[in-house]
Amino acid sequence: KNTETTSIDNIKKNIDILYEYELLKKAIKYIDLNDTINAITCYNLALNKNTNLYEAAINLGHIYYKQKKFKSAENNFYKSLNISKNNKNISLVAKSLYYLGNSQLSNAILSIKNKKPNIIKIQESIENYKESLRINPDNIDVKQNLAFAIELLKKHINKDKENQQDTQEKKEEESEFDEELDELIKNVDQLKEKQKKLKEKTENEKSSSENLTNKKEKLKKELD
């Protein structure tokens, strides 16, 4: 009975392997036909059946990367990285780290173009490139992308510092302007007060002059 159960399990396992293999084969055919929708469907079906399929995960990442869907690409490169780590395949770990770094760096570049720089993605790509180079120090592509990512990070850190400095200078200028405006308002108020006092003085003098005139006229009349 145990032998029969083992035999049935082996048959089911072989059927599953054949099913997965057929799905991967179909996906490649769809890619050759530029039918990415069906290719994605086949890879996802294969992964649903067996979450340990490195080929399905890595190729899904490549499809999304070409479509510039960098977040989806990153998610699938993470899957391929975990699969290769679980399988203890160091060579595939290095490849997954490289592709993962590429998707993160591309995501960062896109964010910069959209004027919303995602500095964290640049930093993440740098860490993954470094990790890949620890496994395979001779990979020229990884070295070049790492150098580019570091330069891009430096550039935007310096730009942030300049922006902060500009903001500080702008605040200082605004503060100086506010002080000057306050002083101007104060001077205007003082001038108004002076004008008011001058007007009152003029009115008082006028009133005194009128009173004097009236007195003179009254005195004249009395003398006449």
N, C-alpha and C. Protein backbone atom coordinates (compact mmCIF):
# COMPACT_ATOMS: atom_id res chain seq x y z
N LYS A 1 0.83 -1.21 0.00
CA LYS A 1 0.00 0.00 0.00
C LYS A 1 0.87 1.27 0.00
N ASN A 2 1.93 1.25 0.82
CA ASN A 2 2.85 2.38 0.86
C ASN A 2 3.53 2.58 -0.48
N THR A 3 3.86 1.48 -1.13
CA THR A 3 4.51 1.53 -2.46
C THR A 3 3.57 2.14 -3.48
N GLU A 4 2.28 1.77 -3.38
CA GLU A 4 1.27 2.30 -4.32
C GLU A 4 1.10 3.81 -4.11
N THR A 5 1.06 4.23 -2.87
CA THR A 5 0.90 5.66 -2.54
C THR A 5 2.07 6.47 -3.06
N THR A 6 3.29 5.92 -2.86
CA THR A 6 4.50 6.59 -3.33
C THR A 6 4.49 6.69 -4.85
N SER A 7 4.06 5.62 -5.49
CA SER A 7 4.00 5.58 -6.95
C SER A 7 3.02 6.62 -7.48
N ILE A 8 1.84 6.73 -6.83
CA ILE A 8 0.82 7.73 -7.23
C ILE A 8 1.36 9.15 -7.04
N ASP A 9 2.02 9.36 -5.90
CA ASP A 9 2.61 10.68 -5.62
C ASP A 9 3.64 11.06 -6.66
N ASN A 10 4.44 10.09 -7.05
CA ASN A 10 5.47 10.34 -8.08
C ASN A 10 4.85 10.68 -9.42
N ILE A 11 3.75 9.97 -9.74
CA ILE A 11 3.04 10.24 -11.01
C ILE A 11 2.49 11.67 -11.00
N LYS A 12 1.87 12.06 -9.85
CA LYS A 12 1.31 13.42 -9.72
C LYS A 12 2.41 14.47 -9.84
N LYS A 13 3.55 14.15 -9.19
CA LYS A 13 4.68 15.08 -9.23
C LYS A 13 5.19 15.25 -10.65
N ASN A 14 5.29 14.14 -11.36
CA ASN A 14 5.76 14.19 -12.75
C ASN A 14 4.78 14.95 -13.65
N ILE A 15 3.48 14.76 -13.37
CA ILE A 15 2.45 15.48 -14.14
C ILE A 15 2.59 16.98 -13.90
N ASP A 16 2.81 17.34 -12.62
CA ASP A 16 2.99 18.75 -12.27
C ASP A 16 4.22 19.34 -12.96
N ILE A 17 5.30 18.55 -12.96
CA ILE A 17 6.53 19.02 -13.62
C ILE A 17 6.29 19.22 -15.12
N LEU A 18 5.59 18.27 -15.73
CA LEU A 18 5.28 18.39 -17.16
C LEU A 18 4.40 19.61 -17.44
N TYR A 19 3.42 19.84 -16.53
CA TYR A 19 2.52 20.99 -16.65
C TYR A 19 3.31 22.29 -16.56
N GLU A 20 4.21 22.36 -15.58
CA GLU A 20 5.05 23.55 -15.40
C GLU A 20 5.95 23.76 -16.61
N TYR A 21 6.53 22.65 -17.08
CA TYR A 21 7.44 22.71 -18.23
C TYR A 21 6.70 23.22 -19.47
N GLU A 22 5.48 22.71 -19.67
CA GLU A 22 4.66 23.13 -20.82
C GLU A 22 4.31 24.61 -20.72
N LEU A 23 4.00 25.06 -19.52
CA LEU A 23 3.69 26.49 -19.32
C LEU A 23 4.90 27.37 -19.64
N LEU A 24 6.08 26.95 -19.18
CA LEU A 24 7.30 27.71 -19.46
C LEU A 24 7.60 27.73 -20.96
N LYS A 25 7.37 26.57 -21.58
CA LYS A 25 7.60 26.45 -23.04
C LYS A 25 6.65 27.37 -23.81
N LYS A 26 5.39 27.36 -23.40
CA LYS A 26 4.38 28.22 -24.05
C LYS A 26 4.73 29.69 -23.86
N ALA A 27 5.16 30.03 -22.66
CA ALA A 27 5.51 31.43 -22.36
C ALA A 27 6.62 31.93 -23.29
N ILE A 28 7.62 31.08 -23.51
CA ILE A 28 8.73 31.46 -24.39
C ILE A 28 8.23 31.67 -25.82
N LYS A 29 7.32 30.79 -26.26
CA LYS A 29 6.74 30.94 -27.61
C LYS A 29 5.97 32.25 -27.73
N TYR A 30 5.21 32.57 -26.67
CA TYR A 30 4.45 33.82 -26.68
C TYR A 30 5.39 35.04 -26.71
N ILE A 31 6.49 34.94 -26.00
CA ILE A 31 7.47 36.04 -26.03
C ILE A 31 8.04 36.22 -27.43
N ASP A 32 8.32 35.10 -28.10
CA ASP A 32 8.84 35.17 -29.49
C ASP A 32 7.82 35.81 -30.42
N LEU A 33 6.54 35.67 -30.08
CA LEU A 33 5.47 36.26 -30.90
C LEU A 33 5.10 37.68 -30.41
N ASN A 34 5.86 38.19 -29.44
CA ASN A 34 5.58 39.50 -28.82
C ASN A 34 4.21 39.55 -28.15
N ASP A 35 3.74 38.40 -27.72
CA ASP A 35 2.46 38.32 -27.01
C ASP A 35 2.76 38.26 -25.50
N THR A 36 3.06 39.41 -24.94
CA THR A 36 3.47 39.45 -23.53
C THR A 36 2.33 39.14 -22.57
N ILE A 37 1.10 39.44 -22.99
CA ILE A 37 -0.04 39.19 -22.10
C ILE A 37 -0.17 37.70 -21.78
N ASN A 38 -0.13 36.88 -22.84
CA ASN A 38 -0.23 35.43 -22.62
C ASN A 38 1.03 34.86 -21.98
N ALA A 39 2.16 35.47 -22.29
CA ALA A 39 3.41 35.02 -21.67
C ALA A 39 3.35 35.24 -20.16
N ILE A 40 2.86 36.41 -19.75
CA ILE A 40 2.72 36.73 -18.33
C ILE A 40 1.74 35.75 -17.65
N THR A 41 0.66 35.44 -18.34
CA THR A 41 -0.34 34.50 -17.81
C THR A 41 0.29 33.13 -17.56
N CYS A 42 1.07 32.65 -18.55
CA CYS A 42 1.71 31.34 -18.41
C CYS A 42 2.71 31.31 -17.26
N TYR A 43 3.51 32.36 -17.14
CA TYR A 43 4.50 32.42 -16.05
C TYR A 43 3.82 32.47 -14.69
N ASN A 44 2.74 33.24 -14.59
CA ASN A 44 2.01 33.34 -13.32
C ASN A 44 1.35 32.00 -12.95
N LEU A 45 0.80 31.32 -13.94
CA LEU A 45 0.21 29.99 -13.69
C LEU A 45 1.28 29.01 -13.20
N ALA A 46 2.44 29.08 -13.83
CA ALA A 46 3.54 28.20 -13.43
C ALA A 46 3.99 28.50 -12.00
N LEU A 47 4.06 29.77 -11.66
CA LEU A 47 4.47 30.16 -10.30
C LEU A 47 3.40 29.80 -9.26
N ASN A 48 2.14 29.88 -9.67
CA ASN A 48 1.06 29.48 -8.76
C ASN A 48 1.14 27.98 -8.45
N LYS A 49 1.59 27.23 -9.45
CA LYS A 49 1.75 25.78 -9.28
C LYS A 49 3.00 25.45 -8.49
N ASN A 50 4.06 26.21 -8.77
CA ASN A 50 5.34 25.97 -8.10
C ASN A 50 6.04 27.31 -7.85
N THR A 51 6.04 27.74 -6.62
CA THR A 51 6.61 29.06 -6.28
C THR A 51 8.14 29.08 -6.37
N ASN A 52 8.73 27.93 -6.67
CA ASN A 52 10.19 27.82 -6.69
C ASN A 52 10.75 27.86 -8.12
N LEU A 53 9.96 28.36 -9.05
CA LEU A 53 10.41 28.38 -10.46
C LEU A 53 11.18 29.67 -10.76
N TYR A 54 12.49 29.57 -10.72
CA TYR A 54 13.35 30.73 -10.96
C TYR A 54 13.11 31.32 -12.35
N GLU A 55 13.02 30.46 -13.35
CA GLU A 55 12.87 30.93 -14.74
C GLU A 55 11.62 31.78 -14.93
N ALA A 56 10.52 31.36 -14.29
CA ALA A 56 9.25 32.11 -14.41
C ALA A 56 9.38 33.48 -13.76
N ALA A 57 9.96 33.51 -12.57
CA ALA A 57 10.10 34.78 -11.83
C ALA A 57 11.03 35.76 -12.56
N ILE A 58 12.20 35.27 -12.98
CA ILE A 58 13.18 36.15 -13.63
C ILE A 58 12.66 36.68 -14.97
N ASN A 59 11.97 35.81 -15.72
CA ASN A 59 11.45 36.24 -17.03
C ASN A 59 10.28 37.20 -16.90
N LEU A 60 9.48 37.03 -15.86
CA LEU A 60 8.41 38.01 -15.58
C LEU A 60 9.04 39.37 -15.28
N GLY A 61 10.12 39.34 -14.51
CA GLY A 61 10.84 40.59 -14.21
C GLY A 61 11.32 41.27 -15.48
N HIS A 62 11.87 40.48 -16.40
CA HIS A 62 12.38 41.04 -17.67
C HIS A 62 11.25 41.65 -18.51
N ILE A 63 10.11 40.96 -18.54
CA ILE A 63 8.96 41.46 -19.32
C ILE A 63 8.51 42.82 -18.78
N TYR A 64 8.32 42.88 -17.48
CA TYR A 64 7.86 44.14 -16.86
C TYR A 64 8.91 45.24 -17.00
N TYR A 65 10.17 44.85 -16.92
CA TYR A 65 11.25 45.85 -17.05
C TYR A 65 11.21 46.49 -18.45
N LYS A 66 11.03 45.66 -19.49
CA LYS A 66 10.95 46.18 -20.87
C LYS A 66 9.73 47.06 -21.06
N GLN A 67 8.67 46.77 -20.30
CA GLN A 67 7.46 47.59 -20.37
C GLN A 67 7.57 48.86 -19.50
N LYS A 68 8.73 49.03 -18.86
CA LYS A 68 8.98 50.16 -17.95
C LYS A 68 8.05 50.15 -16.74
N LYS A 69 7.59 48.95 -16.38
CA LYS A 69 6.81 48.78 -15.14
C LYS A 69 7.81 48.32 -14.07
N PHE A 70 8.60 49.29 -13.60
CA PHE A 70 9.76 48.95 -12.79
C PHE A 70 9.41 48.38 -11.41
N LYS A 71 8.28 48.79 -10.85
CA LYS A 71 7.87 48.26 -9.55
C LYS A 71 7.52 46.77 -9.68
N SER A 72 6.77 46.41 -10.73
CA SER A 72 6.42 45.00 -10.96
C SER A 72 7.67 44.19 -11.27
N ALA A 73 8.58 44.80 -12.03
CA ALA A 73 9.85 44.13 -12.35
C ALA A 73 10.61 43.86 -11.06
N GLU A 74 10.69 44.87 -10.20
CA GLU A 74 11.40 44.74 -8.92
C GLU A 74 10.81 43.61 -8.08
N ASN A 75 9.49 43.53 -8.00
CA ASN A 75 8.83 42.48 -7.22
C ASN A 75 9.21 41.08 -7.70
N ASN A 76 9.26 40.92 -9.02
CA ASN A 76 9.59 39.59 -9.57
C ASN A 76 11.09 39.27 -9.47
N PHE A 77 11.93 40.29 -9.54
CA PHE A 77 13.37 40.05 -9.33
C PHE A 77 13.64 39.69 -7.86
N TYR A 78 12.83 40.25 -6.96
CA TYR A 78 12.92 39.84 -5.55
C TYR A 78 12.57 38.35 -5.41
N LYS A 79 11.51 37.93 -6.14
CA LYS A 79 11.12 36.52 -6.12
C LYS A 79 12.25 35.63 -6.62
N SER A 80 12.84 36.03 -7.75
CA SER A 80 13.92 35.21 -8.32
C SER A 80 15.13 35.18 -7.37
N LEU A 81 15.36 36.28 -6.66
CA LEU A 81 16.46 36.33 -5.69
C LEU A 81 16.21 35.36 -4.53
N ASN A 82 15.00 35.37 -4.01
CA ASN A 82 14.67 34.46 -2.90
C ASN A 82 14.73 33.00 -3.33
N ILE A 83 14.26 32.73 -4.55
CA ILE A 83 14.30 31.35 -5.07
C ILE A 83 15.74 30.87 -5.20
N SER A 84 16.59 31.73 -5.78
CA SER A 84 18.00 31.34 -5.98
C SER A 84 18.73 31.19 -4.65
N LYS A 85 18.34 32.00 -3.65
CA LYS A 85 18.94 31.85 -2.31
C LYS A 85 18.51 30.53 -1.67
N ASN A 86 17.22 30.22 -1.80
CA ASN A 86 16.69 28.96 -1.25
C ASN A 86 17.35 27.75 -1.90
N ASN A 87 17.62 27.88 -3.19
CA ASN A 87 18.26 26.78 -3.93
C ASN A 87 19.79 26.79 -3.78
N LYS A 88 20.28 27.82 -3.06
CA LYS A 88 21.72 27.98 -2.83
C LYS A 88 22.52 28.01 -4.14
N ASN A 89 21.92 28.69 -5.13
CA ASN A 89 22.59 28.86 -6.42
C ASN A 89 23.21 30.26 -6.45
N ILE A 90 24.47 30.35 -6.08
CA ILE A 90 25.16 31.64 -5.91
C ILE A 90 25.21 32.43 -7.21
N SER A 91 25.41 31.75 -8.32
CA SER A 91 25.49 32.42 -9.63
C SER A 91 24.18 33.14 -9.95
N LEU A 92 23.05 32.45 -9.68
CA LEU A 92 21.73 33.05 -9.95
C LEU A 92 21.41 34.15 -8.94
N VAL A 93 21.93 34.02 -7.73
CA VAL A 93 21.77 35.08 -6.72
C VAL A 93 22.41 36.37 -7.25
N ALA A 94 23.63 36.26 -7.77
CA ALA A 94 24.36 37.42 -8.31
C ALA A 94 23.58 38.06 -9.46
N LYS A 95 23.02 37.23 -10.35
CA LYS A 95 22.23 37.74 -11.49
C LYS A 95 20.98 38.47 -11.00
N SER A 96 20.28 37.85 -10.06
CA SER A 96 19.04 38.45 -9.54
C SER A 96 19.32 39.79 -8.86
N LEU A 97 20.42 39.85 -8.12
CA LEU A 97 20.81 41.11 -7.47
C LEU A 97 21.08 42.19 -8.50
N TYR A 98 21.73 41.83 -9.60
CA TYR A 98 22.04 42.78 -10.67
C TYR A 98 20.75 43.31 -11.31
N TYR A 99 19.86 42.39 -11.67
CA TYR A 99 18.60 42.80 -12.30
C TYR A 99 17.71 43.59 -11.33
N LEU A 100 17.75 43.20 -10.07
CA LEU A 100 17.00 43.93 -9.04
C LEU A 100 17.52 45.36 -8.93
N GLY A 101 18.85 45.50 -8.91
CA GLY A 101 19.47 46.83 -8.88
C GLY A 101 19.08 47.67 -10.08
N ASN A 102 19.03 47.03 -11.26
CA ASN A 102 18.65 47.75 -12.49
C ASN A 102 17.23 48.29 -12.41
N SER A 103 16.31 47.46 -11.90
CA SER A 103 14.91 47.91 -11.81
C SER A 103 14.77 49.06 -10.82
N GLN A 104 15.52 49.01 -9.72
CA GLN A 104 15.47 50.08 -8.72
C GLN A 104 16.09 51.37 -9.26
N LEU A 105 17.22 51.23 -9.96
CA LEU A 105 17.88 52.41 -10.53
C LEU A 105 17.01 53.06 -11.61
N SER A 106 16.40 52.22 -12.45
CA SER A 106 15.51 52.74 -13.50
C SER A 106 14.30 53.44 -12.90
N ASN A 107 13.79 52.87 -11.82
CA ASN A 107 12.66 53.49 -11.11
C ASN A 107 13.06 54.87 -10.58
N ALA A 108 14.29 54.96 -10.05
CA ALA A 108 14.79 56.23 -9.53
C ALA A 108 14.95 57.26 -10.65
N ILE A 109 15.50 56.83 -11.79
CA ILE A 109 15.70 57.74 -12.94
C ILE A 109 14.35 58.27 -13.43
N LEU A 110 13.35 57.37 -13.47
CA LEU A 110 12.00 57.78 -13.89
C LEU A 110 11.43 58.81 -12.92
N SER A 111 11.66 58.59 -11.63
CA SER A 111 11.16 59.54 -10.61
C SER A 111 11.83 60.91 -10.75
N ILE A 112 13.10 60.91 -11.14
CA ILE A 112 13.84 62.17 -11.35
C ILE A 112 13.26 62.92 -12.56
N LYS A 113 12.95 62.17 -13.62
CA LYS A 113 12.35 62.78 -14.82
C LYS A 113 11.00 63.39 -14.49
N ASN A 114 10.29 62.75 -13.55
CA ASN A 114 8.97 63.25 -13.14
C ASN A 114 9.07 64.30 -12.04
N LYS A 115 10.33 64.74 -11.78
CA LYS A 115 10.61 65.80 -10.80
C LYS A 115 10.20 65.42 -9.38
N LYS A 116 10.21 64.10 -9.10
CA LYS A 116 9.96 63.60 -7.74
C LYS A 116 11.04 62.57 -7.41
N PRO A 117 12.29 63.03 -7.25
CA PRO A 117 13.42 62.11 -7.08
C PRO A 117 13.24 61.13 -5.91
N ASN A 118 13.42 59.83 -6.24
CA ASN A 118 13.35 58.79 -5.21
C ASN A 118 14.77 58.34 -4.87
N ILE A 119 15.40 59.05 -3.93
CA ILE A 119 16.80 58.80 -3.57
C ILE A 119 16.96 57.42 -2.95
N ILE A 120 15.94 56.94 -2.25
CA ILE A 120 16.02 55.63 -1.58
C ILE A 120 16.26 54.51 -2.59
N LYS A 121 15.60 54.61 -3.76
CA LYS A 121 15.77 53.58 -4.79
C LYS A 121 17.20 53.56 -5.33
N ILE A 122 17.82 54.73 -5.43
CA ILE A 122 19.23 54.78 -5.86
C ILE A 122 20.09 54.06 -4.82
N GLN A 123 19.83 54.35 -3.55
CA GLN A 123 20.61 53.73 -2.47
C GLN A 123 20.42 52.21 -2.46
N GLU A 124 19.17 51.76 -2.68
CA GLU A 124 18.89 50.32 -2.71
C GLU A 124 19.62 49.64 -3.87
N SER A 125 19.62 50.31 -5.03
CA SER A 125 20.31 49.73 -6.20
C SER A 125 21.80 49.60 -5.93
N ILE A 126 22.39 50.60 -5.28
CA ILE A 126 23.82 50.56 -4.94
C ILE A 126 24.14 49.36 -4.06
N GLU A 127 23.30 49.13 -3.04
CA GLU A 127 23.52 48.00 -2.13
C GLU A 127 23.43 46.66 -2.87
N ASN A 128 22.48 46.54 -3.79
CA ASN A 128 22.32 45.28 -4.53
C ASN A 128 23.46 45.06 -5.54
N TYR A 129 23.93 46.14 -6.17
CA TYR A 129 25.09 46.02 -7.06
C TYR A 129 26.33 45.57 -6.27
N LYS A 130 26.52 46.17 -5.10
CA LYS A 130 27.67 45.81 -4.26
C LYS A 130 27.61 44.34 -3.85
N GLU A 131 26.40 43.91 -3.47
CA GLU A 131 26.21 42.52 -3.05
C GLU A 131 26.49 41.56 -4.22
N SER A 132 26.05 41.96 -5.41
CA SER A 132 26.30 41.14 -6.61
C SER A 132 27.79 41.04 -6.90
N LEU A 133 28.51 42.15 -6.72
CA LEU A 133 29.96 42.17 -6.98
C LEU A 133 30.74 41.37 -5.94
N ARG A 134 30.19 41.24 -4.75
CA ARG A 134 30.87 40.40 -3.74
C ARG A 134 30.89 38.94 -4.19
N ILE A 135 29.84 38.56 -4.94
CA ILE A 135 29.76 37.18 -5.45
C ILE A 135 30.56 37.04 -6.74
N ASN A 136 30.39 38.05 -7.61
CA ASN A 136 31.09 38.01 -8.91
C ASN A 136 31.78 39.35 -9.14
N PRO A 137 33.01 39.49 -8.64
CA PRO A 137 33.72 40.79 -8.69
C PRO A 137 34.13 41.22 -10.10
N ASP A 138 34.07 40.32 -11.06
CA ASP A 138 34.57 40.62 -12.41
C ASP A 138 33.48 41.08 -13.38
N ASN A 139 32.25 41.21 -12.90
CA ASN A 139 31.15 41.58 -13.80
C ASN A 139 31.24 43.08 -14.14
N ILE A 140 31.63 43.37 -15.37
CA ILE A 140 31.84 44.76 -15.80
C ILE A 140 30.53 45.56 -15.82
N ASP A 141 29.44 44.92 -16.25
CA ASP A 141 28.14 45.61 -16.32
C ASP A 141 27.70 46.09 -14.94
N VAL A 142 27.89 45.23 -13.94
CA VAL A 142 27.51 45.60 -12.57
C VAL A 142 28.38 46.76 -12.08
N LYS A 143 29.68 46.69 -12.39
CA LYS A 143 30.61 47.76 -11.97
C LYS A 143 30.21 49.10 -12.59
N GLN A 144 29.88 49.08 -13.88
CA GLN A 144 29.50 50.31 -14.58
C GLN A 144 28.22 50.91 -14.00
N ASN A 145 27.23 50.04 -13.76
CA ASN A 145 25.95 50.52 -13.21
C ASN A 145 26.11 51.02 -11.77
N LEU A 146 27.00 50.37 -11.02
CA LEU A 146 27.27 50.81 -9.66
C LEU A 146 27.90 52.21 -9.67
N ALA A 147 28.89 52.41 -10.56
CA ALA A 147 29.55 53.72 -10.66
C ALA A 147 28.54 54.80 -11.05
N PHE A 148 27.66 54.47 -11.99
CA PHE A 148 26.63 55.43 -12.43
C PHE A 148 25.68 55.78 -11.28
N ALA A 149 25.25 54.75 -10.53
CA ALA A 149 24.32 54.96 -9.42
C ALA A 149 24.95 55.83 -8.33
N ILE A 150 26.23 55.59 -8.04
CA ILE A 150 26.93 56.39 -7.01
C ILE A 150 27.02 57.85 -7.43
N GLU A 151 27.36 58.09 -8.71
CA GLU A 151 27.45 59.47 -9.22
C GLU A 151 26.08 60.16 -9.18
N LEU A 152 25.05 59.40 -9.53
CA LEU A 152 23.69 59.95 -9.51
C LEU A 152 23.28 60.31 -8.09
N LEU A 153 23.64 59.46 -7.14
CA LEU A 153 23.32 59.72 -5.74
C LEU A 153 24.04 60.98 -5.24
N LYS A 154 25.34 61.08 -5.56
CA LYS A 154 26.13 62.26 -5.16
C LYS A 154 25.51 63.54 -5.72
N LYS A 155 25.15 63.47 -6.98
CA LYS A 155 24.58 64.63 -7.67
C LYS A 155 23.32 65.12 -6.97
N HIS A 156 22.46 64.19 -6.59
CA HIS A 156 21.18 64.60 -6.00
C HIS A 156 21.30 64.93 -4.52
N ILE A 157 22.30 64.36 -3.85
CA ILE A 157 22.55 64.77 -2.47
C ILE A 157 23.06 66.22 -2.46
N ASN A 158 23.98 66.52 -3.39
CA ASN A 158 24.50 67.90 -3.51
C ASN A 158 23.38 68.86 -3.90
N LYS A 159 22.51 68.39 -4.79
CA LYS A 159 21.39 69.23 -5.23
C LYS A 159 20.45 69.52 -4.07
N ASP A 160 20.21 68.51 -3.24
CA ASP A 160 19.36 68.69 -2.06
C ASP A 160 19.97 69.71 -1.11
N LYS A 161 21.31 69.61 -0.94
CA LYS A 161 22.02 70.56 -0.07
C LYS A 161 21.88 71.98 -0.60
N GLU A 162 22.04 72.12 -1.95
CA GLU A 162 21.91 73.44 -2.58
C GLU A 162 20.50 73.97 -2.40
N ASN A 163 19.52 73.08 -2.57
CA ASN A 163 18.12 73.50 -2.41
C ASN A 163 17.84 73.94 -0.97
N GLN A 164 18.43 73.18 -0.01
CA GLN A 164 18.26 73.55 1.40
C GLN A 164 18.90 74.90 1.69
N GLN A 165 20.10 75.10 1.07
CA GLN A 165 20.81 76.37 1.25
C GLN A 165 20.01 77.51 0.63
N ASP A 166 19.47 77.26 -0.58
CA ASP A 166 18.65 78.27 -1.25
C ASP A 166 17.42 78.61 -0.42
N THR A 167 16.81 77.54 0.16
CA THR A 167 15.62 77.75 1.00
C THR A 167 15.96 78.59 2.22
N GLN A 168 17.14 78.29 2.84
CA GLN A 168 17.58 79.04 4.01
C GLN A 168 17.84 80.51 3.65
N GLU A 169 18.54 80.69 2.50
CA GLU A 169 18.83 82.06 2.04
C GLU A 169 17.54 82.81 1.74
N LYS A 170 16.59 82.08 1.14
CA LYS A 170 15.31 82.69 0.81
C LYS A 170 14.58 83.11 2.08
N LYS A 171 14.64 82.23 3.11
CA LYS A 171 14.01 82.55 4.39
C LYS A 171 14.65 83.78 5.02
N GLU A 172 16.00 83.85 4.93
CA GLU A 172 16.72 85.00 5.48
C GLU A 172 16.35 86.28 4.75
N GLU A 173 16.24 86.17 3.39
CA GLU A 173 15.84 87.34 2.59
C GLU A 173 14.43 87.78 2.95
N GLU A 174 13.54 86.79 3.12
CA GLU A 174 12.16 87.10 3.49
C GLU A 174 12.11 87.76 4.87
N SER A 175 12.97 87.26 5.78
CA SER A 175 13.04 87.84 7.12
C SER A 175 13.51 89.29 7.07
N GLU A 176 14.55 89.52 6.24
CA GLU A 176 15.06 90.89 6.07
C GLU A 176 13.99 91.78 5.46
N PHE A 177 13.30 91.24 4.48
CA PHE A 177 12.23 91.99 3.82
C PHE A 177 11.13 92.35 4.82
N ASP A 178 10.79 91.35 5.67
CA ASP A 178 9.76 91.59 6.69
C ASP A 178 10.18 92.71 7.65
N GLU A 179 11.47 92.66 8.02
CA GLU A 179 11.99 93.71 8.93
C GLU A 179 11.93 95.09 8.27
N GLU A 180 12.33 95.13 6.99
CA GLU A 180 12.30 96.39 6.25
C GLU A 180 10.87 96.90 6.11
N LEU A 181 9.97 95.95 5.86
CA LEU A 181 8.56 96.32 5.71
C LEU A 181 8.01 96.85 7.03
N ASP A 182 8.36 96.17 8.12
CA ASP A 182 7.93 96.64 9.45
C ASP A 182 8.44 98.05 9.74
N GLU A 183 9.72 98.26 9.35
CA GLU A 183 10.34 99.58 9.56
C GLU A 183 9.64 100.64 8.72
N LEU A 184 9.31 100.27 7.49
CA LEU A 184 8.62 101.19 6.58
C LEU A 184 7.24 101.54 7.13
N ILE A 185 6.53 100.51 7.59
CA ILE A 185 5.20 100.73 8.17
C ILE A 185 5.29 101.64 9.38
N LYS A 186 6.32 101.37 10.19
CA LYS A 186 6.55 102.19 11.38
C LYS A 186 6.79 103.65 11.01
N ASN A 187 7.63 103.85 9.97
CA ASN A 187 7.93 105.21 9.50
C ASN A 187 6.69 105.91 8.95
N VAL A 188 5.89 105.14 8.22
CA VAL A 188 4.65 105.70 7.66
C VAL A 188 3.71 106.11 8.79
N ASP A 189 3.62 105.24 9.82
CA ASP A 189 2.77 105.55 10.97
C ASP A 189 3.24 106.81 11.69
N GLN A 190 4.58 106.90 11.82
CA GLN A 190 5.16 108.10 12.47
C GLN A 190 4.87 109.35 11.64
N LEU A 191 4.98 109.20 10.32
CA LEU A 191 4.71 110.32 9.42
C LEU A 191 3.25 110.75 9.53
N LYS A 192 2.37 109.76 9.58
CA LYS A 192 0.94 110.06 9.73
C LYS A 192 0.68 110.81 11.03
N GLU A 193 1.36 110.35 12.09
CA GLU A 193 1.19 110.98 13.39
C GLU A 193 1.67 112.43 13.36
N LYS A 194 2.80 112.65 12.69
CA LYS A 194 3.35 114.01 12.54
C LYS A 194 2.39 114.90 11.76
N GLN A 195 1.85 114.30 10.65
CA GLN A 195 0.91 115.05 9.81
C GLN A 195 -0.35 115.41 10.60
N LYS A 196 -0.78 114.47 11.44
CA LYS A 196 -1.96 114.69 12.26
C LYS A 196 -1.73 115.84 13.25
N LYS A 197 -0.54 115.77 13.90
CA LYS A 197 -0.19 116.82 14.86
C LYS A 197 -0.04 118.18 14.17
N LEU A 198 0.57 118.14 12.98
CA LEU A 198 0.75 119.37 12.21
C LEU A 198 -0.60 119.96 11.81
N LYS A 199 -1.49 119.07 11.41
CA LYS A 199 -2.83 119.51 11.02
C LYS A 199 -3.56 120.14 12.21
N GLU A 200 -3.43 119.45 13.35
CA GLU A 200 -4.07 119.97 14.58
C GLU A 200 -3.49 121.35 14.96
N LYS A 201 -2.16 121.44 14.82
CA LYS A 201 -1.49 122.70 15.13
C LYS A 201 -1.96 123.81 14.19
N THR A 202 -2.04 123.45 12.89
CA THR A 202 -2.48 124.42 11.88
C THR A 202 -3.91 124.88 12.16
N GLU A 203 -4.76 123.91 12.52
CA GLU A 203 -6.16 124.23 12.82
C GLU A 203 -6.26 125.13 14.06
N ASN A 204 -5.41 124.79 15.05
CA ASN A 204 -5.40 125.61 16.29
C ASN A 204 -4.94 127.04 16.00
N GLU A 205 -3.89 127.14 15.18
CA GLU A 205 -3.36 128.46 14.81
C GLU A 205 -4.41 129.25 14.02
N LYS A 206 -5.09 128.51 13.13
CA LYS A 206 -6.12 129.15 12.32
C LYS A 206 -7.25 129.65 13.21
N SER A 207 -7.61 128.80 14.16
CA SER A 207 -8.68 129.16 15.09
C SER A 207 -8.28 130.38 15.93
N SER A 208 -7.03 130.39 16.37
CA SER A 208 -6.50 131.53 17.16
C SER A 208 -6.49 132.80 16.32
N SER A 209 -6.10 132.63 15.08
CA SER A 209 -6.03 133.78 14.16
C SER A 209 -7.43 134.34 13.93
N GLU A 210 -8.39 133.43 13.77
CA GLU A 210 -9.77 133.87 13.55
C GLU A 210 -10.30 134.59 14.79
N ASN A 211 -9.98 134.04 15.95
CA ASN A 211 -10.41 134.68 17.20
C ASN A 211 -9.82 136.08 17.34
N LEU A 212 -8.56 136.22 16.98
CA LEU A 212 -7.87 137.50 17.06
C LEU A 212 -8.51 138.51 16.10
N THR A 213 -8.82 138.03 14.92
CA THR A 213 -9.46 138.87 13.89
C THR A 213 -10.82 139.35 14.39
N ASN A 214 -11.55 138.41 14.97
CA ASN A 214 -12.88 138.75 15.49
C ASN A 214 -12.80 139.80 16.59
N LYS A 215 -11.78 139.61 17.43
CA LYS A 215 -11.59 140.57 18.53
C LYS A 215 -11.25 141.97 17.99
N LYS A 216 -10.41 142.00 16.98
CA LYS A 216 -10.01 143.27 16.35
C LYS A 216 -11.22 143.96 15.76
N GLU A 217 -12.03 143.18 15.05
CA GLU A 217 -13.23 143.75 14.42
C GLU A 217 -14.20 144.29 15.49
N LYS A 218 -14.32 143.54 16.55
CA LYS A 218 -15.22 143.93 17.63
C LYS A 218 -14.74 145.24 18.30
N LEU A 219 -13.41 145.29 18.51
CA LEU A 219 -12.82 146.46 19.11
C LEU A 219 -12.98 147.68 18.21
N LYS A 220 -12.80 147.46 16.95
CA LYS A 220 -12.94 148.54 15.96
C LYS A 220 -14.34 149.11 15.96
N LYS A 221 -15.29 148.20 16.02
CA LYS A 221 -16.70 148.61 16.04
C LYS A 221 -17.00 149.42 17.28
N GLU A 222 -16.40 148.97 18.37
CA GLU A 222 -16.63 149.68 19.64
C GLU A 222 -16.02 151.09 19.60
N LEU A 223 -14.90 151.22 18.97
CA LEU A 223 -14.22 152.52 18.85
C LEU A 223 -15.00 153.46 17.92
N ASP A 224 -15.59 152.89 16.92
CA ASP A 224 -16.37 153.69 15.98
C ASP A 224 -17.65 154.18 16.68
